[in-house]
Amino acid sequence: MVTNNTIRDRNAIQSLARGLNILELCAKSPRPLTLTEIANRAQLTKTTAQRFLNTLCALGYLRREENKSYVLAARVLSLAYSFMHTSSLVTMAKPFLDELSAQLDKTVNLAVLEDVHTLILYRKEVRKFMKYDLGPGSKLPCYAGSLGKAMLAGLNDKALKARLNKIEFYPITPKTVSSKQALWNEIREIRKRGYSICDQELSLDMYSIGVPLLDRQGQVVAAINASMEFSFKDNPKLEALIGQLLEKGKMISYNLGYNGPYPVYPL
């Protein structure tokens, strides 16, 4: 771990080392850390530690919980997306997703929420719908796809409102959701039915369904989806597909330590 005394090279930037030290402290802690704990462990004053924390939160590397403690945020993952193939979440979920893709003959994805973006962790591609390649480390606007909306629905209303206020809406296709109110209304529907829908919002050729992944605290920490041709939304097999997707979401969530009813969202 980097400490205040570790970096002695006069060409090194001490403030950067201190910021990275705080990230390491949060990464290694089995629970969220308070400002006082971080300041003490990093050997900083509370005022200095707070400035580092504010900066790291603003950049999306840390997240401040409601109890004023701090945890790593999803953006940390984007710094090392090549490692994601062997991360515990991907390693655990991959067999379920590969099996689901084979069962459905559809493209499936695993993602986390990074600020106002969806960060792809794993993709099993059957058909390419976008003009560009997607894979681990790829980002999509959270408001336009089923993955992002499935995870936004897991935020409480206060956190959701703050997140929506940061989104700059732009039309990817003519069917892309275009306002905070429209997205808010859609998220309320997602919470009721338990899964999200992307109807030609990222590509006019694509329709997708997303479901949440919950951890042992019942928090939505990721999402999976299945992408298909937009015409499949009228296929009588769609209901069975949604059932299979929900079943895999439940199985992965249970492997993450969750043991409650599934799917479940705050109402």
Foldseek 3Di string as FASTA:
>chain_A
DQAQPPDDPPPDDSVVSLLVVLLVVQVPDPDFAALVRSCVVRVHDSVSSVVSVVVCVVVQQWDQDPVRTIHGGPVVCLVPLVCLCVDPLNVLLVVLLVVLCVVVVFKKWKWFDGLQKTATNAIDHNDDQDPDDDGGNDIDGLQQAFFSLQQLLQDPPVVSVVSQVPDDADQLDPPGDGHSVVSVVQSVVCQVVQKHWRQCRNHVQKIKIKHFAAAQVRGGGMIMMTIDGNVCVPPPCVVVSVVSRQVSSVVSNVVRNHDDDPPHHDD
